[in-house]
């Protein structure tokens, strides 16, 4: 049976890398009404979530 965590982990990890690279390329891009770099924090969260899914996928084998 195929494990759905592997492609999902790759997808979220890739999205996280894209958002992290954009946050480092455009550090002055902020969300309206806040000074937080949302791309940095959401990219980091997606990258960690994708890594957890990949780790769980490897662990299940």
C-alpha atoms as a PDB file:
ATOM      1  CA  UNK A   1       0.000   0.000   0.000  1.00  0.00           C
ATOM      2  CA  UNK A   2       1.278   3.440  -0.855  1.00  0.00           C
ATOM      3  CA  UNK A   3       1.990   5.870   1.933  1.00  0.00           C
ATOM      4  CA  UNK A   4       0.400   9.256   1.294  1.00  0.00           C
ATOM      5  CA  UNK A   5       2.793  10.989   3.698  1.00  0.00           C
ATOM      6  CA  UNK A   6       5.693  10.801   1.222  1.00  0.00           C
ATOM      7  CA  UNK A   7       4.271  12.937  -1.637  1.00  0.00           C
ATOM      8  CA  UNK A   8       2.503  15.212   0.854  1.00  0.00           C
ATOM      9  CA  UNK A   9       5.748  15.744   2.764  1.00  0.00           C
ATOM     10  CA  UNK A  10       7.604  16.512  -0.459  1.00  0.00           C
ATOM     11  CA  UNK A  11       4.877  18.973  -1.481  1.00  0.00           C
ATOM     12  CA  UNK A  12       4.825  20.859   1.824  1.00  0.00           C
ATOM     13  CA  UNK A  13       8.610  20.823   2.044  1.00  0.00           C
ATOM     14  CA  UNK A  14       8.889  22.282  -1.447  1.00  0.00           C
ATOM     15  CA  UNK A  15       6.332  24.988  -0.663  1.00  0.00           C
ATOM     16  CA  UNK A  16       8.257  25.796   2.503  1.00  0.00           C
ATOM     17  CA  UNK A  17      11.517  26.145   0.579  1.00  0.00           C
ATOM     18  CA  UNK A  18       9.849  28.432  -1.966  1.00  0.00           C
ATOM     19  CA  UNK A  19       8.413  30.692   0.741  1.00  0.00           C
ATOM     20  CA  UNK A  20      11.677  30.728   2.692  1.00  0.00           C
ATOM     21  CA  UNK A  21      13.666  31.680  -0.401  1.00  0.00           C
ATOM     22  CA  UNK A  22      11.175  34.426  -1.211  1.00  0.00           C
ATOM     23  CA  UNK A  23      11.378  35.770   2.340  1.00  0.00           C
ATOM     24  CA  UNK A  24      15.178  35.974   2.096  1.00  0.00           C
ATOM     25  CA  UNK A  25      15.046  37.522  -1.390  1.00  0.00           C
ATOM     26  CA  UNK A  26      12.459  40.154  -0.350  1.00  0.00           C
ATOM     27  CA  UNK A  27      13.038  40.809   3.364  1.00  0.00           C
ATOM     28  CA  UNK A  28      11.028  44.046   3.303  1.00  0.00           C
ATOM     29  CA  UNK A  29       7.824  42.302   2.148  1.00  0.00           C
ATOM     30  CA  UNK A  30       5.452  42.424   5.113  1.00  0.00           C
ATOM     31  CA  UNK A  31       1.819  41.600   5.663  1.00  0.00           C
ATOM     32  CA  UNK A  32      -0.548  44.553   5.895  1.00  0.00           C
ATOM     33  CA  UNK A  33      -1.114  45.931   9.407  1.00  0.00           C
ATOM     34  CA  UNK A  34       1.917  44.099  10.844  1.00  0.00           C
ATOM     35  CA  UNK A  35       5.683  44.142  10.617  1.00  0.00           C
ATOM     36  CA  UNK A  36       5.990  40.357  10.725  1.00  0.00           C
ATOM     37  CA  UNK A  37       7.547  38.624   7.755  1.00  0.00           C
ATOM     38  CA  UNK A  38       4.712  36.182   7.128  1.00  0.00           C
ATOM     39  CA  UNK A  39       6.545  34.429   4.290  1.00  0.00           C
ATOM     40  CA  UNK A  40       9.398  33.556   6.641  1.00  0.00           C
ATOM     41  CA  UNK A  41       7.222  32.110   9.395  1.00  0.00           C
ATOM     42  CA  UNK A  42       4.779  30.288   7.130  1.00  0.00           C
ATOM     43  CA  UNK A  43       7.652  28.920   5.010  1.00  0.00           C
ATOM     44  CA  UNK A  44       9.433  27.692   8.111  1.00  0.00           C
ATOM     45  CA  UNK A  45       6.243  26.080   9.395  1.00  0.00           C
ATOM     46  CA  UNK A  46       5.535  24.357   6.073  1.00  0.00           C
ATOM     47  CA  UNK A  47       9.140  23.162   5.811  1.00  0.00           C
ATOM     48  CA  UNK A  48       9.077  21.676   9.308  1.00  0.00           C
ATOM     49  CA  UNK A  49       5.667  20.075   8.694  1.00  0.00           C
ATOM     50  CA  UNK A  50       6.911  18.552   5.440  1.00  0.00           C
ATOM     51  CA  UNK A  51       9.992  17.259   7.230  1.00  0.00           C
ATOM     52  CA  UNK A  52       7.860  15.657   9.927  1.00  0.00           C
ATOM     53  CA  UNK A  53       5.709  13.950   7.293  1.00  0.00           C
ATOM     54  CA  UNK A  54       8.806  12.674   5.484  1.00  0.00           C
ATOM     55  CA  UNK A  55      10.254  11.406   8.757  1.00  0.00           C
ATOM     56  CA  UNK A  56       6.995   9.610   9.576  1.00  0.00           C
ATOM     57  CA  UNK A  57       6.936   8.129   6.079  1.00  0.00           C
ATOM     58  CA  UNK A  58      10.454   6.751   6.524  1.00  0.00           C
ATOM     59  CA  UNK A  59       9.691   5.483  10.000  1.00  0.00           C
ATOM     60  CA  UNK A  60       6.658   3.522   8.784  1.00  0.00           C
ATOM     61  CA  UNK A  61       8.767   1.383   6.437  1.00  0.00           C
END
